[in-house]
Amino acid sequence: MNRKLSVDVSSEIGELQGVILHTPGAEVENMTPMDAHRALYSDILNLDVARKEYAQLCGVLSKVTKTYEIKDLLYEVLSKPNAKQELINKICLHEGAMHLKEELGDIPPKQLVNTLIEGLTLKRNSLTSFLSNERYALPPLYNFYFTRDASISVYNEVLIGKMANGVRDRETIIMEAIFNHSDSFETKTINPNSSIRSSDISIEGGDVLIARDDIIVVGNSSRTTTQGIDFIINRLCSKNLKKKHHIIVQELPYKPESFIHLDMVFTFLDVDSCMIFEPLILRPNKFQTVLITVEGCKVKEIKNVENIIVALKSLGMDLKPIYCGGTKDPWTQEREQWHSGANFFAIAPGKVIGYARNTYTLDEMSKNGYNIIRAKEVLSNRVNIDNFNKYVITLDGSELARGGGGARCMTMPVSRKPVKW
């Protein structure tokens, strides 16, 4: 039996030891233009192109760490009769589909994996279903390749996401089942649905960044509410921590959609640098930055601060901001931010992955000592990344970027080595 991997994430940049991925499948192709807006997309994707681009991400990560595919993990769960029945019950109850319980229970585990992710076609066996405009009895999980959002590794626990849109709720139910029942991970899950005020709570992983073992940076966005952030704070308080912990909260605009999560405007790159969308993070604006200090089991202080960079510096993290889209042209900054130009995923300090299309951002990183390496060169073994201390591995992203997320959005780390600050 494989030894379980203990969940342990105390930074955004520690050397990666395990990451959860989901290769886009038929669920993406099962979306029509009519469904796109409801599915939280502004366009439909070409699956063949998206899968080729995603294969670069998966291939690079497989070279440097242990990767876990959601379909494999879900199969582990569904192969256990009791866990299978529990998961089916939860999904049917949540989606008002108890009439499907017996049908889903009769589907073999391997096929059921696909059904729960790619959707169950509506049977036209009644007048109501015959006249329905819906295509699916259980809709596909169009967004599941953004594995970041539905579950969040916070130190040695997994916080189950509380999605802002019900179309993504099944993702969280599946991820909770994986962490509770698969043989791959050792952890404890924390579910906001257990809260008395859960109706006000939403928390998505793109808004939660673990800066250090005592600092969390959280976006207050269209997807993560103040009540959701309070849930995280209360969880820290309940642990009666021996040392101070700090939560930096950044308000975000609800529009445009490119500001969906904090990691679309701010990500960590190294022990001494970060990527920012400068107009929002540094320029004076109406969006507040708040620093909250927790000590023991109480909130000790809440105060406004100038910005995230200033707040981190006051806590001993002096980071140089690198500008998404470069420093010269606001229009270029906006264009590259729109296509996830600030959304980087670290595999180790100073070693990150992002999109090749954001050339002005990459130029800025090059000026700051990062070697720019194409994923294709890594996968073909033309370049050995072990020969570089700092680099950006660039993915082709003509199609994936249109889905509204970047490398950080598509990765859910479960373990990282400690960072030597």
Protein backbone atom coordinates (compact mmCIF):
# COMPACT_ATOMS: atom_id res chain seq x y z
CA MET A 1 0.00 0.00 0.00
CA ASN A 2 1.28 3.46 -0.89
CA ARG A 3 2.10 5.66 2.06
CA LYS A 4 -0.33 8.55 2.48
CA LEU A 5 1.01 12.03 1.80
CA SER A 6 0.48 14.37 4.73
CA VAL A 7 -1.05 17.67 3.67
CA ASP A 8 1.43 20.42 4.55
CA VAL A 9 1.37 23.82 2.84
CA SER A 10 2.88 26.71 4.79
CA SER A 11 3.85 28.93 1.87
CA GLU A 12 3.09 29.68 -1.78
CA ILE A 13 6.65 29.03 -2.92
CA GLY A 14 8.08 26.07 -0.98
CA GLU A 15 9.43 23.23 -3.09
CA LEU A 16 6.42 21.32 -4.36
CA GLN A 17 5.95 17.74 -3.08
CA GLY A 18 2.47 16.98 -4.37
CA VAL A 19 -0.20 18.66 -6.50
CA ILE A 20 -3.72 17.79 -7.64
CA LEU A 21 -4.66 18.31 -11.29
CA HIS A 22 -7.63 17.63 -13.52
CA THR A 23 -7.03 17.22 -17.23
CA PRO A 24 -9.94 18.88 -19.09
CA GLY A 25 -12.25 16.28 -20.58
CA ALA A 26 -15.62 15.87 -22.25
CA GLU A 27 -17.23 18.16 -19.67
CA VAL A 28 -15.58 21.13 -21.40
CA GLU A 29 -16.87 20.05 -24.81
CA ASN A 30 -20.33 19.46 -23.37
CA MET A 31 -20.78 23.20 -22.97
CA THR A 32 -22.78 25.10 -25.60
CA PRO A 33 -22.80 28.85 -26.24
CA MET A 34 -26.17 28.97 -24.48
CA ASP A 35 -24.67 27.28 -21.40
CA ALA A 36 -21.47 29.31 -21.31
CA HIS A 37 -22.64 32.23 -19.18
CA ARG A 38 -24.39 29.94 -16.70
CA ALA A 39 -21.22 27.86 -16.55
CA LEU A 40 -19.23 31.05 -15.68
CA TYR A 41 -17.53 31.24 -19.07
CA SER A 42 -17.59 34.11 -21.55
CA ASP A 43 -16.80 31.74 -24.43
CA ILE A 44 -16.63 28.03 -25.24
CA LEU A 45 -13.28 26.24 -25.50
CA ASN A 46 -11.76 23.96 -28.12
CA LEU A 47 -11.10 20.81 -26.11
CA ASP A 48 -8.38 19.39 -28.37
CA VAL A 49 -6.31 22.57 -28.12
CA ALA A 50 -7.00 23.00 -24.40
CA ARG A 51 -5.85 19.43 -23.69
CA LYS A 52 -2.61 19.90 -25.62
CA GLU A 53 -1.86 23.06 -23.66
CA TYR A 54 -2.80 21.40 -20.37
CA ALA A 55 -0.52 18.46 -21.19
CA GLN A 56 2.39 20.91 -21.00
CA LEU A 57 1.44 21.90 -17.45
CA CYS A 58 0.91 18.30 -16.39
CA GLY A 59 4.10 17.15 -18.11
CA VAL A 60 6.28 19.80 -16.51
CA LEU A 61 4.85 19.16 -13.05
CA SER A 62 5.31 15.41 -13.45
CA LYS A 63 9.02 16.06 -13.94
CA VAL A 64 9.41 17.90 -10.63
CA THR A 65 6.82 16.48 -8.22
CA LYS A 66 4.17 13.88 -7.50
CA THR A 67 0.99 14.63 -9.44
CA TYR A 68 -2.50 13.36 -8.64
CA GLU A 69 -5.35 13.35 -11.15
CA ILE A 70 -8.83 13.97 -9.75
CA LYS A 71 -10.30 11.12 -11.82
CA ASP A 72 -7.84 8.65 -10.28
CA LEU A 73 -8.53 9.94 -6.77
CA LEU A 74 -12.28 9.84 -7.32
CA TYR A 75 -12.02 6.25 -8.55
CA GLU A 76 -10.30 5.37 -5.26
CA VAL A 77 -13.31 6.75 -3.40
CA LEU A 78 -15.97 5.15 -5.59
CA SER A 79 -14.26 1.76 -5.33
CA LYS A 80 -15.26 1.72 -1.64
CA PRO A 81 -18.99 0.81 -1.48
CA ASN A 82 -19.77 2.85 1.64
CA ALA A 83 -17.87 5.91 0.41
CA LYS A 84 -19.55 5.59 -3.00
CA GLN A 85 -23.01 5.52 -1.46
CA GLU A 86 -22.21 8.45 0.84
CA LEU A 87 -20.98 10.56 -2.07
CA ILE A 88 -24.00 9.72 -4.24
CA ASN A 89 -26.34 10.59 -1.37
CA LYS A 90 -24.68 13.95 -0.82
CA ILE A 91 -24.71 14.88 -4.51
CA CYS A 92 -28.33 13.83 -5.07
CA LEU A 93 -29.52 15.58 -1.93
CA HIS A 94 -27.66 18.79 -2.70
CA GLU A 95 -28.79 18.91 -6.33
CA GLY A 96 -32.39 17.94 -5.66
CA ALA A 97 -31.94 14.74 -7.64
CA MET A 98 -32.81 11.93 -5.21
CA HIS A 99 -34.64 10.21 -8.06
CA LEU A 100 -31.22 9.56 -9.62
CA LYS A 101 -29.79 7.85 -6.52
CA GLU A 102 -30.55 4.28 -7.61
CA GLU A 103 -29.41 4.87 -11.19
CA LEU A 104 -26.10 6.35 -10.06
CA GLY A 105 -25.62 3.57 -7.54
CA ASP A 106 -25.86 0.96 -10.31
CA ILE A 107 -23.10 2.57 -12.40
CA PRO A 108 -19.67 0.86 -11.99
CA PRO A 109 -17.01 3.05 -10.30
CA LYS A 110 -14.90 3.75 -13.39
CA GLN A 111 -17.91 4.83 -15.44
CA LEU A 112 -19.36 6.77 -12.51
CA VAL A 113 -16.19 8.87 -12.31
CA ASN A 114 -16.92 10.14 -15.81
CA THR A 115 -20.63 10.57 -15.12
CA LEU A 116 -20.11 12.74 -12.04
CA ILE A 117 -17.67 15.01 -13.87
CA GLU A 118 -18.89 14.97 -17.48
CA GLY A 119 -22.61 14.99 -16.66
CA LEU A 120 -25.59 12.65 -16.82
CA THR A 121 -27.83 13.14 -19.86
CA LEU A 122 -31.49 13.83 -19.10
CA LYS A 123 -33.74 10.94 -20.09
CA ARG A 124 -36.81 12.04 -22.08
CA ASN A 125 -39.10 9.51 -20.38
CA SER A 126 -41.78 11.87 -19.05
CA LEU A 127 -43.67 14.83 -20.41
CA THR A 128 -41.77 17.15 -18.07
CA SER A 129 -38.36 15.89 -19.18
CA PHE A 130 -39.48 15.71 -22.83
CA LEU A 131 -40.43 19.40 -22.82
CA SER A 132 -37.43 20.50 -20.71
CA ASN A 133 -34.82 22.76 -22.29
CA GLU A 134 -32.16 21.14 -20.13
CA ARG A 135 -29.79 18.63 -21.66
CA TYR A 136 -28.49 17.12 -18.42
CA ALA A 137 -30.04 15.62 -15.30
CA LEU A 138 -26.65 16.27 -13.66
CA PRO A 139 -24.80 19.10 -15.42
CA PRO A 140 -21.12 18.70 -16.36
CA LEU A 141 -18.45 20.25 -14.12
CA TYR A 142 -17.17 22.69 -16.72
CA ASN A 143 -14.79 24.44 -14.28
CA PHE A 144 -13.18 21.46 -12.58
CA TYR A 145 -9.81 21.87 -14.28
CA PHE A 146 -9.44 24.95 -12.09
CA THR A 147 -8.62 22.66 -9.17
CA ARG A 148 -7.48 25.58 -6.99
CA ASP A 149 -10.93 26.72 -5.94
CA ALA A 150 -12.89 23.76 -4.54
CA SER A 151 -10.44 22.82 -1.78
CA ILE A 152 -7.62 24.75 -0.14
CA SER A 153 -4.54 23.41 1.65
CA VAL A 154 -4.05 25.60 4.71
CA TYR A 155 -1.07 24.35 6.72
CA ASN A 156 -1.92 20.73 7.65
CA GLU A 157 -5.66 20.93 6.96
CA VAL A 158 -7.84 21.16 3.89
CA LEU A 159 -10.46 23.89 3.84
CA ILE A 160 -13.33 22.80 1.61
CA GLY A 161 -14.40 25.63 -0.69
CA LYS A 162 -17.81 27.24 -0.39
CA MET A 163 -18.42 28.29 -3.97
CA ALA A 164 -20.10 31.55 -4.86
CA ASN A 165 -22.02 29.86 -7.69
CA GLY A 166 -24.02 26.66 -7.24
CA VAL A 167 -22.88 25.36 -10.62
CA ARG A 168 -19.56 24.49 -8.92
CA ASP A 169 -20.87 22.96 -5.68
CA ARG A 170 -20.39 19.35 -6.80
CA GLU A 171 -16.67 20.04 -7.15
CA THR A 172 -16.44 20.73 -3.42
CA ILE A 173 -18.49 17.63 -2.54
CA ILE A 174 -16.14 15.48 -4.63
CA MET A 175 -13.00 17.07 -3.17
CA GLU A 176 -14.23 16.56 0.39
CA ALA A 177 -14.90 12.89 -0.40
CA ILE A 178 -11.40 12.54 -1.85
CA PHE A 179 -9.69 13.95 1.22
CA ASN A 180 -11.93 12.00 3.59
CA HIS A 181 -11.89 8.63 1.84
CA SER A 182 -9.02 8.20 -0.63
CA ASP A 183 -5.87 6.35 0.41
CA SER A 184 -3.61 9.08 -0.95
CA PHE A 185 -3.69 11.82 1.71
CA GLU A 186 -3.48 12.26 5.46
CA THR A 187 -5.34 15.37 6.60
CA LYS A 188 -8.40 16.83 8.29
CA THR A 189 -11.09 18.62 6.29
CA ILE A 190 -12.81 21.79 7.46
CA ASN A 191 -16.17 22.51 5.81
CA PRO A 192 -17.77 25.98 6.04
CA ASN A 193 -21.15 24.34 5.45
CA SER A 194 -20.99 23.30 9.10
CA SER A 195 -21.18 26.95 10.13
CA ILE A 196 -24.47 28.32 11.45
CA ARG A 197 -24.20 31.24 9.03
CA SER A 198 -23.04 29.20 6.06
CA SER A 199 -25.54 30.90 3.72
CA ASP A 200 -23.47 34.10 3.92
CA ILE A 201 -20.13 32.36 3.43
CA SER A 202 -18.29 31.89 0.18
CA ILE A 203 -14.60 30.98 -0.05
CA GLU A 204 -12.71 30.02 -3.20
CA GLY A 205 -9.08 28.95 -3.37
CA GLY A 206 -8.03 31.58 -5.88
CA ASP A 207 -8.51 34.13 -3.10
CA VAL A 208 -6.46 32.33 -0.43
CA LEU A 209 -2.65 32.64 -0.52
CA ILE A 210 -0.45 31.14 2.20
CA ALA A 211 2.37 33.66 2.48
CA ARG A 212 4.22 32.15 5.41
CA ASP A 213 3.45 29.83 8.33
CA ASP A 214 2.00 32.82 10.17
CA ILE A 215 0.61 34.95 7.31
CA ILE A 216 -2.38 34.37 5.03
CA VAL A 217 -3.34 36.81 2.28
CA VAL A 218 -7.00 36.70 1.25
CA GLY A 219 -9.00 38.45 -1.45
CA ASN A 220 -12.43 39.86 -0.63
CA SER A 221 -13.92 39.38 -4.07
CA SER A 222 -17.08 38.48 -5.93
CA ARG A 223 -16.22 34.88 -4.99
CA THR A 224 -15.03 35.23 -1.37
CA THR A 225 -17.19 37.15 1.10
CA THR A 226 -16.19 38.92 4.31
CA GLN A 227 -18.12 36.19 6.14
CA GLY A 228 -15.95 33.62 4.39
CA ILE A 229 -12.82 35.41 5.55
CA ASP A 230 -14.25 35.62 9.07
CA PHE A 231 -14.72 31.84 8.94
CA ILE A 232 -10.98 31.45 8.23
CA ILE A 233 -10.13 33.87 11.05
CA ASN A 234 -12.42 32.04 13.48
CA ARG A 235 -10.79 28.75 12.49
CA LEU A 236 -7.38 30.20 13.39
CA CYS A 237 -8.77 31.48 16.68
CA SER A 238 -10.25 28.07 17.51
CA LYS A 239 -6.79 26.50 17.25
CA ASN A 240 -5.56 28.76 20.11
CA LEU A 241 -2.28 29.35 18.30
CA LYS A 242 0.81 29.93 20.41
CA LYS A 243 2.23 32.64 18.14
CA LYS A 244 0.64 35.57 16.36
CA HIS A 245 -0.96 34.97 12.98
CA HIS A 246 -1.76 37.66 10.46
CA ILE A 247 -4.43 37.86 7.78
CA ILE A 248 -4.00 40.47 5.06
CA VAL A 249 -7.29 41.15 3.29
CA GLN A 250 -7.41 42.84 -0.11
CA GLU A 251 -10.70 44.15 -1.44
CA LEU A 252 -11.21 43.51 -5.15
CA PRO A 253 -13.60 45.01 -7.70
CA TYR A 254 -16.49 42.76 -8.74
CA LYS A 255 -15.97 43.74 -12.39
CA PRO A 256 -14.43 43.07 -14.84
CA GLU A 257 -14.39 39.28 -14.58
CA SER A 258 -10.58 39.19 -14.78
CA PHE A 259 -10.55 40.32 -11.12
CA ILE A 260 -12.40 37.17 -10.10
CA HIS A 261 -9.77 36.18 -7.49
CA LEU A 262 -6.80 37.72 -5.72
CA ASP A 263 -4.37 35.47 -7.60
CA MET A 264 -5.35 37.26 -10.80
CA VAL A 265 -3.70 40.44 -9.50
CA PHE A 266 -1.13 39.17 -6.98
CA THR A 267 1.01 36.01 -6.69
CA PHE A 268 4.22 35.08 -4.85
CA LEU A 269 7.30 34.26 -6.94
CA ASP A 270 10.29 33.97 -4.59
CA VAL A 271 11.44 34.80 -1.07
CA ASP A 272 12.06 38.36 -2.21
CA SER A 273 9.69 39.01 -5.14
CA CYS A 274 6.04 38.88 -6.15
CA MET A 275 3.93 39.54 -9.24
CA ILE A 276 1.37 42.33 -9.10
CA PHE A 277 -1.17 44.13 -11.24
CA GLU A 278 0.13 47.55 -10.30
CA PRO A 279 -2.99 49.69 -10.90
CA LEU A 280 -4.91 47.78 -8.24
CA ILE A 281 -2.18 46.75 -5.80
CA LEU A 282 -0.04 49.90 -5.63
CA ARG A 283 -1.93 52.88 -7.04
CA PRO A 284 -4.31 54.81 -4.76
CA ASN A 285 -7.85 53.47 -5.20
CA LYS A 286 -11.04 52.82 -3.24
CA PHE A 287 -10.27 49.15 -2.52
CA GLN A 288 -9.09 48.70 1.05
CA THR A 289 -6.25 46.58 2.38
CA VAL A 290 -6.83 45.39 5.94
CA LEU A 291 -4.37 43.75 8.35
CA ILE A 292 -5.85 41.48 11.01
CA THR A 293 -3.77 40.03 13.87
CA VAL A 294 -4.85 36.89 15.71
CA GLU A 295 -3.19 35.84 18.95
CA GLY A 296 -4.23 32.89 21.07
CA CYS A 297 -7.95 32.56 20.53
CA LYS A 298 -8.74 36.21 19.86
CA VAL A 299 -8.56 38.86 17.18
CA LYS A 300 -6.12 41.36 18.69
CA GLU A 301 -6.14 44.07 16.04
CA ILE A 302 -7.81 45.09 12.79
CA LYS A 303 -6.46 48.08 10.88
CA ASN A 304 -6.17 49.57 7.41
CA VAL A 305 -2.76 49.47 5.73
CA GLU A 306 -1.48 51.12 2.57
CA ASN A 307 -1.25 47.96 0.44
CA ILE A 308 -0.25 44.29 0.50
CA ILE A 309 3.43 45.06 -0.12
CA VAL A 310 3.60 47.46 2.83
CA ALA A 311 1.73 45.04 5.08
CA LEU A 312 4.05 42.14 4.22
CA LYS A 313 7.13 44.30 4.79
CA SER A 314 5.86 45.26 8.25
CA LEU A 315 5.71 41.52 9.01
CA GLY A 316 9.26 40.84 7.81
CA MET A 317 8.56 39.87 4.20
CA ASP A 318 10.27 42.50 2.04
CA LEU A 319 9.16 41.68 -1.51
CA LYS A 320 10.06 43.47 -4.71
CA PRO A 321 6.94 43.81 -6.88
CA ILE A 322 7.29 42.83 -10.54
CA TYR A 323 4.66 44.40 -12.77
CA CYS A 324 2.23 42.37 -14.84
CA GLY A 325 2.35 43.84 -18.36
CA GLY A 326 5.52 45.81 -17.64
CA THR A 327 5.89 49.37 -16.38
CA LYS A 328 5.28 51.59 -19.41
CA ASP A 329 1.78 51.17 -20.81
CA PRO A 330 -1.45 50.86 -18.73
CA TRP A 331 -3.23 49.37 -21.74
CA THR A 332 -0.66 46.57 -21.97
CA GLN A 333 -0.96 45.95 -18.24
CA GLU A 334 -4.72 45.58 -18.59
CA ARG A 335 -4.46 43.28 -21.61
CA GLU A 336 -2.01 40.91 -19.96
CA GLN A 337 -3.82 40.90 -16.62
CA TRP A 338 -6.98 39.91 -18.52
CA HIS A 339 -5.21 36.79 -19.76
CA SER A 340 -3.87 35.75 -16.34
CA GLY A 341 -0.60 37.65 -16.67
CA ALA A 342 -0.29 37.95 -12.90
CA ASN A 343 -1.27 34.34 -12.23
CA PHE A 344 1.91 32.32 -11.58
CA PHE A 345 2.39 28.98 -9.83
CA ALA A 346 5.61 28.32 -7.94
CA ILE A 347 7.21 24.88 -7.95
CA ALA A 348 10.04 26.16 -5.72
CA PRO A 349 11.37 29.58 -4.65
CA GLY A 350 12.10 31.59 -7.81
CA LYS A 351 10.90 28.76 -10.06
CA VAL A 352 7.45 29.38 -11.48
CA ILE A 353 5.05 28.51 -14.30
CA GLY A 354 2.96 30.96 -16.37
CA TYR A 355 1.59 31.68 -19.84
CA ALA A 356 3.90 32.40 -22.78
CA ARG A 357 1.40 34.84 -24.32
CA ASN A 358 2.08 37.56 -21.72
CA THR A 359 5.30 38.74 -23.31
CA TYR A 360 5.59 42.12 -21.58
CA THR A 361 5.23 40.45 -18.20
CA LEU A 362 7.90 37.91 -19.14
CA ASP A 363 10.22 40.72 -20.31
CA GLU A 364 9.82 42.32 -16.90
CA MET A 365 10.64 39.04 -15.19
CA SER A 366 13.69 38.59 -17.39
CA LYS A 367 14.92 42.01 -16.27
CA ASN A 368 14.61 40.75 -12.72
CA GLY A 369 16.80 37.71 -13.22
CA TYR A 370 14.29 35.07 -14.32
CA ASN A 371 15.30 32.81 -17.20
CA ILE A 372 12.43 32.32 -19.64
CA ILE A 373 12.09 28.64 -20.64
CA ARG A 374 9.43 27.17 -22.92
CA ALA A 375 7.58 24.14 -21.58
CA LYS A 376 8.15 22.37 -24.90
CA GLU A 377 11.92 22.64 -24.35
CA VAL A 378 11.61 21.09 -20.91
CA LEU A 379 9.38 18.26 -22.08
CA SER A 380 11.64 17.42 -25.01
CA ASN A 381 14.68 17.45 -22.66
CA ARG A 382 16.35 20.17 -24.70
CA VAL A 383 16.61 22.21 -21.52
CA ASN A 384 17.48 20.89 -18.06
CA ILE A 385 15.79 23.18 -15.55
CA ASP A 386 18.16 21.94 -12.81
CA ASN A 387 20.79 24.15 -14.45
CA PHE A 388 18.90 27.34 -13.52
CA ASN A 389 18.39 29.00 -10.14
CA LYS A 390 15.52 31.23 -11.27
CA TYR A 391 13.13 30.66 -14.13
CA VAL A 392 9.68 30.92 -15.62
CA ILE A 393 8.47 27.87 -17.54
CA THR A 394 6.03 29.18 -20.15
CA LEU A 395 2.95 27.28 -21.29
CA ASP A 396 1.14 27.74 -24.56
CA GLY A 397 -2.07 29.39 -23.45
CA SER A 398 -4.12 30.48 -26.41
CA GLU A 399 -7.09 28.32 -25.38
CA LEU A 400 -6.72 27.69 -21.64
CA ALA A 401 -6.40 31.41 -20.91
CA ARG A 402 -9.83 31.95 -22.48
CA GLY A 403 -11.27 29.85 -19.65
CA GLY A 404 -10.40 32.67 -17.25
CA GLY A 405 -7.45 31.32 -15.28
CA GLY A 406 -3.74 30.59 -15.28
CA ALA A 407 -1.22 28.13 -13.85
CA ARG A 408 -2.10 28.81 -10.20
CA CYS A 409 -5.81 28.38 -10.93
CA MET A 410 -5.20 24.96 -12.45
CA THR A 411 -3.15 23.52 -9.56
CA MET A 412 -4.04 22.49 -6.01
CA PRO A 413 -0.84 21.87 -4.01
CA VAL A 414 -1.09 19.40 -1.13
CA SER A 415 2.47 19.51 0.19
CA ARG A 416 5.45 21.85 0.03
CA LYS A 417 8.82 21.81 1.75
CA PRO A 418 9.50 24.56 4.33
CA VAL A 419 11.09 27.74 3.00
CA LYS A 420 14.33 29.14 4.38
CA TRP A 421 13.37 32.78 4.82
